[in-house]
């Protein structure tokens, strides 16, 4: 056998193994059950559950000065038709 023929046989065997692996992976991926992934909150941040209540006093609002509206012009009285 020549070196070229041996290389071709090895390449064909490698290709068949790759096809089998791809088929196995596709079947496993499609038939795998989707299980929900649960996370523990303590993994992300540390919390001691001690809450402090802080009361904030709001300053008393001072009455704002109201702007005086400009006097409206009165419409001229309509003349009565005689």
PDB file of N, CA and C in Angstrom:
ATOM      1  N   UNK A   1       0.845  -1.175   0.000  1.00  0.00           N
ATOM      2  CA  UNK A   1       0.000   0.000   0.000  1.00  0.00           C
ATOM      3  C   UNK A   1       0.883   1.228   0.000  1.00  0.00           C
ATOM      4  N   UNK A   2       0.388   2.212  -0.678  1.00  0.00           N
ATOM      5  CA  UNK A   2       1.159   3.436  -0.747  1.00  0.00           C
ATOM      6  C   UNK A   2       0.736   4.369   0.384  1.00  0.00           C
ATOM      7  N   UNK A   3       1.560   5.354   0.597  1.00  0.00           N
ATOM      8  CA  UNK A   3       1.312   6.332   1.668  1.00  0.00           C
ATOM      9  C   UNK A   3       0.020   7.104   1.413  1.00  0.00           C
ATOM     10  N   UNK A   4      -0.285   7.416   0.140  1.00  0.00           N
ATOM     11  CA  UNK A   4      -1.499   8.161  -0.188  1.00  0.00           C
ATOM     12  C   UNK A   4      -2.743   7.358   0.174  1.00  0.00           C
ATOM     13  N   UNK A   5      -2.709   6.070  -0.098  1.00  0.00           N
ATOM     14  CA  UNK A   5      -3.871   5.237   0.180  1.00  0.00           C
ATOM     15  C   UNK A   5      -4.102   5.138   1.700  1.00  0.00           C
ATOM     16  N   UNK A   6      -3.042   5.027   2.469  1.00  0.00           N
ATOM     17  CA  UNK A   6      -3.161   4.958   3.927  1.00  0.00           C
ATOM     18  C   UNK A   6      -3.737   6.269   4.461  1.00  0.00           C
ATOM     19  N   UNK A   7      -3.309   7.409   3.934  1.00  0.00           N
ATOM     20  CA  UNK A   7      -3.830   8.718   4.360  1.00  0.00           C
ATOM     21  C   UNK A   7      -5.313   8.841   4.047  1.00  0.00           C
ATOM     22  N   UNK A   8      -5.729   8.328   2.884  1.00  0.00           N
ATOM     23  CA  UNK A   8      -7.146   8.393   2.521  1.00  0.00           C
ATOM     24  C   UNK A   8      -7.986   7.543   3.469  1.00  0.00           C
ATOM     25  N   UNK A   9      -7.517   6.359   3.826  1.00  0.00           N
ATOM     26  CA  UNK A   9      -8.254   5.480   4.724  1.00  0.00           C
ATOM     27  C   UNK A   9      -8.383   6.139   6.108  1.00  0.00           C
ATOM     28  N   UNK A  10      -7.312   6.733   6.607  1.00  0.00           N
ATOM     29  CA  UNK A  10      -7.346   7.420   7.905  1.00  0.00           C
ATOM     30  C   UNK A  10      -8.291   8.613   7.856  1.00  0.00           C
ATOM     31  N   UNK A  11      -8.309   9.347   6.761  1.00  0.00           N
ATOM     32  CA  UNK A  11      -9.195  10.499   6.611  1.00  0.00           C
ATOM     33  C   UNK A  11     -10.652  10.066   6.597  1.00  0.00           C
ATOM     34  N   UNK A  12     -10.960   8.942   5.902  1.00  0.00           N
ATOM     35  CA  UNK A  12     -12.332   8.440   5.847  1.00  0.00           C
ATOM     36  C   UNK A  12     -12.782   8.003   7.244  1.00  0.00           C
ATOM     37  N   UNK A  13     -11.906   7.312   7.969  1.00  0.00           N
ATOM     38  CA  UNK A  13     -12.247   6.882   9.326  1.00  0.00           C
ATOM     39  C   UNK A  13     -12.484   8.098  10.232  1.00  0.00           C
ATOM     40  N   UNK A  14     -11.650   9.127  10.138  1.00  0.00           N
ATOM     41  CA  UNK A  14     -11.809  10.342  10.933  1.00  0.00           C
ATOM     42  C   UNK A  14     -13.125  11.050  10.588  1.00  0.00           C
ATOM     43  N   UNK A  15     -13.484  11.080   9.304  1.00  0.00           N
ATOM     44  CA  UNK A  15     -14.727  11.720   8.880  1.00  0.00           C
ATOM     45  C   UNK A  15     -15.931  10.957   9.417  1.00  0.00           C
ATOM     46  N   UNK A  16     -15.880   9.629   9.396  1.00  0.00           N
ATOM     47  CA  UNK A  16     -16.986   8.830   9.918  1.00  0.00           C
ATOM     48  C   UNK A  16     -17.137   9.040  11.430  1.00  0.00           C
ATOM     49  N   UNK A  17     -16.030   9.131  12.142  1.00  0.00           N
ATOM     50  CA  UNK A  17     -16.082   9.403  13.588  1.00  0.00           C
ATOM     51  C   UNK A  17     -16.680  10.785  13.857  1.00  0.00           C
ATOM     52  N   UNK A  18     -16.318  11.764  13.054  1.00  0.00           N
ATOM     53  CA  UNK A  18     -16.860  13.114  13.230  1.00  0.00           C
ATOM     54  C   UNK A  18     -18.365  13.139  12.962  1.00  0.00           C
ATOM     55  N   UNK A  19     -18.825  12.413  11.932  1.00  0.00           N
ATOM     56  CA  UNK A  19     -20.261  12.342  11.637  1.00  0.00           C
ATOM     57  C   UNK A  19     -21.012  11.641  12.767  1.00  0.00           C
ATOM     58  N   UNK A  20     -20.435  10.593  13.300  1.00  0.00           N
ATOM     59  CA  UNK A  20     -21.078   9.881  14.399  1.00  0.00           C
ATOM     60  C   UNK A  20     -21.166  10.773  15.640  1.00  0.00           C
ATOM     61  N   UNK A  21     -20.103  11.512  15.929  1.00  0.00           N
ATOM     62  CA  UNK A  21     -20.106  12.414  17.080  1.00  0.00           C
ATOM     63  C   UNK A  21     -21.140  13.528  16.895  1.00  0.00           C
ATOM     64  N   UNK A  22     -21.243  14.063  15.699  1.00  0.00           N
ATOM     65  CA  UNK A  22     -22.215  15.123  15.422  1.00  0.00           C
ATOM     66  C   UNK A  22     -23.642  14.596  15.571  1.00  0.00           C
ATOM     67  N   UNK A  23     -23.902  13.391  15.074  1.00  0.00           N
ATOM     68  CA  UNK A  23     -25.228  12.800  15.191  1.00  0.00           C
ATOM     69  C   UNK A  23     -25.567  12.534  16.663  1.00  0.00           C
ATOM     70  N   UNK A  24     -24.617  12.021  17.422  1.00  0.00           N
ATOM     71  CA  UNK A  24     -24.828  11.757  18.845  1.00  0.00           C
ATOM     72  C   UNK A  24     -25.128  13.048  19.597  1.00  0.00           C
ATOM     73  N   UNK A  25     -24.362  14.086  19.315  1.00  0.00           N
ATOM     74  CA  UNK A  25     -24.555  15.371  19.993  1.00  0.00           C
ATOM     75  C   UNK A  25     -25.926  15.958  19.642  1.00  0.00           C
ATOM     76  N   UNK A  26     -26.336  15.872  18.370  1.00  0.00           N
ATOM     77  CA  UNK A  26     -27.629  16.427  17.945  1.00  0.00           C
ATOM     78  C   UNK A  26     -28.779  15.676  18.609  1.00  0.00           C
ATOM     79  N   UNK A  27     -28.702  14.345  18.650  1.00  0.00           N
ATOM     80  CA  UNK A  27     -29.768  13.558  19.264  1.00  0.00           C
ATOM     81  C   UNK A  27     -29.830  13.840  20.761  1.00  0.00           C
ATOM     82  N   UNK A  28     -28.693  13.921  21.404  1.00  0.00           N
ATOM     83  CA  UNK A  28     -28.659  14.187  22.843  1.00  0.00           C
ATOM     84  C   UNK A  28     -29.215  15.575  23.146  1.00  0.00           C
ATOM     85  N   UNK A  29     -28.890  16.562  22.316  1.00  0.00           N
ATOM     86  CA  UNK A  29     -29.354  17.939  22.529  1.00  0.00           C
ATOM     87  C   UNK A  29     -30.867  18.036  22.322  1.00  0.00           C
ATOM     88  N   UNK A  30     -31.399  17.340  21.349  1.00  0.00           N
ATOM     89  CA  UNK A  30     -32.823  17.422  21.055  1.00  0.00           C
ATOM     90  C   UNK A  30     -33.669  16.652  22.070  1.00  0.00           C
ATOM     91  N   UNK A  31     -33.157  15.568  22.618  1.00  0.00           N
ATOM     92  CA  UNK A  31     -33.956  14.739  23.515  1.00  0.00           C
ATOM     93  C   UNK A  31     -33.693  15.031  24.991  1.00  0.00           C
ATOM     94  N   UNK A  32     -32.779  15.906  25.290  1.00  0.00           N
ATOM     95  CA  UNK A  32     -32.450  16.214  26.677  1.00  0.00           C
ATOM     96  C   UNK A  32     -33.604  16.963  27.329  1.00  0.00           C
ATOM     97  N   UNK A  33     -33.944  16.589  28.570  1.00  0.00           N
ATOM     98  CA  UNK A  33     -35.011  17.275  29.292  1.00  0.00           C
ATOM     99  C   UNK A  33     -34.502  18.624  29.768  1.00  0.00           C
ATOM    100  N   UNK A  34     -35.338  19.644  29.608  1.00  0.00           N
ATOM    101  CA  UNK A  34     -34.983  20.982  30.082  1.00  0.00           C
ATOM    102  C   UNK A  34     -35.369  21.093  31.547  1.00  0.00           C
ATOM    103  N   UNK A  35     -34.381  21.104  32.419  1.00  0.00           N
ATOM    104  CA  UNK A  35     -34.638  21.256  33.835  1.00  0.00           C
ATOM    105  C   UNK A  35     -34.346  22.697  34.225  1.00  0.00           C
ATOM    106  N   UNK A  36     -35.237  23.297  35.010  1.00  0.00           N
ATOM    107  CA  UNK A  36     -34.990  24.688  35.423  1.00  0.00           C
ATOM    108  C   UNK A  36     -33.757  24.769  36.317  1.00  0.00           C
ATOM    109  N   UNK A  37     -33.045  25.853  36.148  1.00  0.00           N
ATOM    110  CA  UNK A  37     -31.836  26.056  36.941  1.00  0.00           C
ATOM    111  C   UNK A  37     -32.168  27.015  38.071  1.00  0.00           C
ATOM    112  N   UNK A  38     -31.980  26.551  39.280  1.00  0.00           N
ATOM    113  CA  UNK A  38     -32.306  27.356  40.445  1.00  0.00           C
ATOM    114  C   UNK A  38     -31.045  28.000  40.996  1.00  0.00           C
ATOM    115  N   UNK A  39     -31.183  29.245  41.431  1.00  0.00           N
ATOM    116  CA  UNK A  39     -30.062  29.973  41.991  1.00  0.00           C
ATOM    117  C   UNK A  39     -30.373  30.328  43.443  1.00  0.00           C
ATOM    118  N   UNK A  40     -29.378  30.310  44.256  1.00  0.00           N
ATOM    119  CA  UNK A  40     -29.513  30.736  45.640  1.00  0.00           C
ATOM    120  C   UNK A  40     -29.105  32.201  45.710  1.00  0.00           C
ATOM    121  N   UNK A  41     -29.957  33.027  46.297  1.00  0.00           N
ATOM    122  CA  UNK A  41     -29.660  34.458  46.361  1.00  0.00           C
ATOM    123  C   UNK A  41     -28.375  34.740  47.121  1.00  0.00           C
ATOM    124  N   UNK A  42     -28.025  33.891  48.039  1.00  0.00           N
ATOM    125  CA  UNK A  42     -26.806  34.115  48.824  1.00  0.00           C
ATOM    126  C   UNK A  42     -25.544  33.952  47.980  1.00  0.00           C
ATOM    127  N   UNK A  43     -25.682  33.345  46.808  1.00  0.00           N
ATOM    128  CA  UNK A  43     -24.525  33.220  45.919  1.00  0.00           C
ATOM    129  C   UNK A  43     -24.145  34.564  45.315  1.00  0.00           C
ATOM    130  N   UNK A  44     -25.112  35.457  45.192  1.00  0.00           N
ATOM    131  CA  UNK A  44     -24.869  36.708  44.494  1.00  0.00           C
ATOM    132  C   UNK A  44     -24.529  37.865  45.431  1.00  0.00           C
ATOM    133  N   UNK A  45     -25.166  37.927  46.588  1.00  0.00           N
ATOM    134  CA  UNK A  45     -24.882  39.012  47.517  1.00  0.00           C
ATOM    135  C   UNK A  45     -25.141  38.519  48.935  1.00  0.00           C
ATOM    136  N   UNK A  46     -24.493  39.164  49.831  1.00  0.00           N
ATOM    137  CA  UNK A  46     -24.661  38.784  51.231  1.00  0.00           C
ATOM    138  C   UNK A  46     -25.724  39.667  51.848  1.00  0.00           C
ATOM    139  N   UNK A  47     -26.680  39.062  52.509  1.00  0.00           N
ATOM    140  CA  UNK A  47     -27.783  39.816  53.087  1.00  0.00           C
ATOM    141  C   UNK A  47     -28.037  39.305  54.496  1.00  0.00           C
ATOM    142  N   UNK A  48     -28.084  40.208  55.450  1.00  0.00           N
ATOM    143  CA  UNK A  48     -28.321  39.783  56.822  1.00  0.00           C
ATOM    144  C   UNK A  48     -29.767  40.026  57.257  1.00  0.00           C
ATOM    145  N   UNK A  49     -30.588  40.528  56.361  1.00  0.00           N
ATOM    146  CA  UNK A  49     -32.014  40.740  56.583  1.00  0.00           C
ATOM    147  C   UNK A  49     -32.321  41.664  57.766  1.00  0.00           C
ATOM    148  N   UNK A  50     -31.397  42.490  58.182  1.00  0.00           N
ATOM    149  CA  UNK A  50     -31.661  43.486  59.217  1.00  0.00           C
ATOM    150  C   UNK A  50     -31.957  44.812  58.519  1.00  0.00           C
ATOM    151  N   UNK A  51     -33.212  45.196  58.542  1.00  0.00           N
ATOM    152  CA  UNK A  51     -33.619  46.423  57.862  1.00  0.00           C
ATOM    153  C   UNK A  51     -33.745  47.542  58.874  1.00  0.00           C
ATOM    154  N   UNK A  52     -33.246  48.689  58.519  1.00  0.00           N
ATOM    155  CA  UNK A  52     -33.389  49.861  59.367  1.00  0.00           C
ATOM    156  C   UNK A  52     -34.457  50.761  58.781  1.00  0.00           C
ATOM    157  N   UNK A  53     -35.327  51.260  59.658  1.00  0.00           N
ATOM    158  CA  UNK A  53     -36.355  52.186  59.203  1.00  0.00           C
ATOM    159  C   UNK A  53     -35.896  53.584  59.570  1.00  0.00           C
ATOM    160  N   UNK A  54     -35.745  54.400  58.593  1.00  0.00           N
ATOM    161  CA  UNK A  54     -35.280  55.768  58.802  1.00  0.00           C
ATOM    162  C   UNK A  54     -36.429  56.703  58.457  1.00  0.00           C
ATOM    163  N   UNK A  55     -36.816  57.518  59.414  1.00  0.00           N
ATOM    164  CA  UNK A  55     -37.883  58.477  59.169  1.00  0.00           C
ATOM    165  C   UNK A  55     -37.259  59.798  58.748  1.00  0.00           C
ATOM    166  N   UNK A  56     -37.756  60.335  57.682  1.00  0.00           N
ATOM    167  CA  UNK A  56     -37.237  61.591  57.150  1.00  0.00           C
ATOM    168  C   UNK A  56     -38.284  62.664  57.376  1.00  0.00           C
ATOM    169  N   UNK A  57     -37.862  63.735  58.015  1.00  0.00           N
ATOM    170  CA  UNK A  57     -38.778  64.842  58.236  1.00  0.00           C
ATOM    171  C   UNK A  57     -38.682  65.801  57.060  1.00  0.00           C
ATOM    172  N   UNK A  58     -39.838  66.092  56.495  1.00  0.00           N
ATOM    173  CA  UNK A  58     -39.865  67.004  55.361  1.00  0.00           C
ATOM    174  C   UNK A  58     -39.981  68.423  55.883  1.00  0.00           C
ATOM    175  N   UNK A  59     -39.196  69.337  55.364  1.00  0.00           N
ATOM    176  CA  UNK A  59     -39.296  70.723  55.825  1.00  0.00           C
ATOM    177  C   UNK A  59     -40.655  71.312  55.450  1.00  0.00           C
ATOM    178  N   UNK A  60     -41.170  72.152  56.325  1.00  0.00           N
ATOM    179  CA  UNK A  60     -42.462  72.778  56.055  1.00  0.00           C
ATOM    180  C   UNK A  60     -42.311  73.718  54.858  1.00  0.00           C
ATOM    181  N   UNK A  61     -43.232  73.588  53.957  1.00  0.00           N
ATOM    182  CA  UNK A  61     -43.159  74.434  52.762  1.00  0.00           C
ATOM    183  C   UNK A  61     -43.698  75.830  53.084  1.00  0.00           C
ATOM    184  N   UNK A  62     -42.964  76.817  52.653  1.00  0.00           N
ATOM    185  CA  UNK A  62     -43.406  78.193  52.855  1.00  0.00           C
ATOM    186  C   UNK A  62     -44.401  78.540  51.758  1.00  0.00           C
ATOM    187  N   UNK A  63     -45.426  79.321  52.094  1.00  0.00           N
ATOM    188  CA  UNK A  63     -46.410  79.660  51.047  1.00  0.00           C
ATOM    189  C   UNK A  63     -45.736  80.485  49.946  1.00  0.00           C
ATOM    190  N   UNK A  64     -45.988  80.071  48.762  1.00  0.00           N
ATOM    191  CA  UNK A  64     -45.396  80.773  47.617  1.00  0.00           C
ATOM    192  C   UNK A  64     -46.245  81.994  47.290  1.00  0.00           C
ATOM    193  N   UNK A  65     -45.581  83.008  46.815  1.00  0.00           N
ATOM    194  CA  UNK A  65     -46.295  84.226  46.430  1.00  0.00           C
ATOM    195  C   UNK A  65     -47.027  83.968  45.132  1.00  0.00           C
ATOM    196  N   UNK A  66     -48.299  84.312  45.147  1.00  0.00           N
ATOM    197  CA  UNK A  66     -49.079  84.108  43.939  1.00  0.00           C
ATOM    198  C   UNK A  66     -48.924  85.332  43.049  1.00  0.00           C
ATOM    199  N   UNK A  67     -48.725  85.058  41.795  1.00  0.00           N
ATOM    200  CA  UNK A  67     -48.609  86.164  40.843  1.00  0.00           C
ATOM    201  C   UNK A  67     -50.009  86.684  40.547  1.00  0.00           C
ATOM    202  N   UNK A  68     -50.131  87.991  40.567  1.00  0.00           N
ATOM    203  CA  UNK A  68     -51.427  88.586  40.267  1.00  0.00           C
ATOM    204  C   UNK A  68     -51.597  88.603  38.753  1.00  0.00           C
ATOM    205  N   UNK A  69     -52.728  88.113  38.340  1.00  0.00           N
ATOM    206  CA  UNK A  69     -53.015  88.071  36.907  1.00  0.00           C
ATOM    207  C   UNK A  69     -53.368  89.475  36.425  1.00  0.00           C
ATOM    208  N   UNK A  70     -52.956  89.805  35.227  1.00  0.00           N
ATOM    209  CA  UNK A  70     -53.275  91.109  34.652  1.00  0.00           C
ATOM    210  C   UNK A  70     -54.790  91.183  34.460  1.00  0.00           C
ATOM    211  N   UNK A  71     -55.392  92.363  34.737  1.00  0.00           N
ATOM    212  CA  UNK A  71     -56.849  92.461  34.579  1.00  0.00           C
ATOM    213  C   UNK A  71     -57.238  92.234  33.117  1.00  0.00           C
ATOM    214  N   UNK A  72     -58.296  91.465  32.962  1.00  0.00           N
ATOM    215  CA  UNK A  72     -58.753  91.151  31.607  1.00  0.00           C
ATOM    216  C   UNK A  72     -59.551  92.335  31.065  1.00  0.00           C
ATOM    217  N   UNK A  73     -59.404  92.539  29.786  1.00  0.00           N
ATOM    218  CA  UNK A  73     -60.169  93.613  29.146  1.00  0.00           C
ATOM    219  C   UNK A  73     -61.587  93.127  28.922  1.00  0.00           C
ATOM    220  N   UNK A  74     -62.521  93.987  29.262  1.00  0.00           N
ATOM    221  CA  UNK A  74     -63.913  93.622  29.066  1.00  0.00           C
ATOM    222  C   UNK A  74     -64.296  93.915  27.630  1.00  0.00           C
ATOM    223  N   UNK A  75     -65.092  93.050  27.094  1.00  0.00           N
ATOM    224  CA  UNK A  75     -65.562  93.237  25.720  1.00  0.00           C
ATOM    225  C   UNK A  75     -66.593  94.388  25.717  1.00  0.00           C
ATOM    226  N   UNK A  76     -66.585  95.127  24.654  1.00  0.00           N
ATOM    227  CA  UNK A  76     -67.529  96.234  24.534  1.00  0.00           C
ATOM    228  C   UNK A  76     -68.944  95.681  24.480  1.00  0.00           C
ATOM    229  N   UNK A  77     -69.874  96.336  25.136  1.00  0.00           N
ATOM    230  CA  UNK A  77     -71.249  95.835  25.089  1.00  0.00           C
ATOM    231  C   UNK A  77     -71.800  95.897  23.675  1.00  0.00           C
ATOM    232  N   UNK A  78     -72.542  94.862  23.353  1.00  0.00           N
ATOM    233  CA  UNK A  78     -73.105  94.803  22.008  1.00  0.00           C
ATOM    234  C   UNK A  78     -74.308  95.747  21.909  1.00  0.00           C
ATOM    235  N   UNK A  79     -74.423  96.357  20.775  1.00  0.00           N
ATOM    236  CA  UNK A  79     -75.551  97.248  20.566  1.00  0.00           C
ATOM    237  C   UNK A  79     -76.775  96.447  20.194  1.00  0.00           C
ATOM    238  N   UNK A  80     -77.887  96.836  20.774  1.00  0.00           N
ATOM    239  CA  UNK A  80     -79.122  96.120  20.483  1.00  0.00           C
ATOM    240  C   UNK A  80     -79.677  96.615  19.156  1.00  0.00           C
ATOM    241  N   UNK A  81     -80.115  95.699  18.373  1.00  0.00           N
ATOM    242  CA  UNK A  81     -80.688  96.062  17.075  1.00  0.00           C
ATOM    243  C   UNK A  81     -82.102  96.605  17.311  1.00  0.00           C
ATOM    244  N   UNK A  82     -82.436  97.740  16.718  1.00  0.00           N
ATOM    245  CA  UNK A  82     -83.733  98.358  16.925  1.00  0.00           C
ATOM    246  C   UNK A  82     -84.662  98.029  15.815  1.00  0.00           C
TER     247      UNK A  82
END
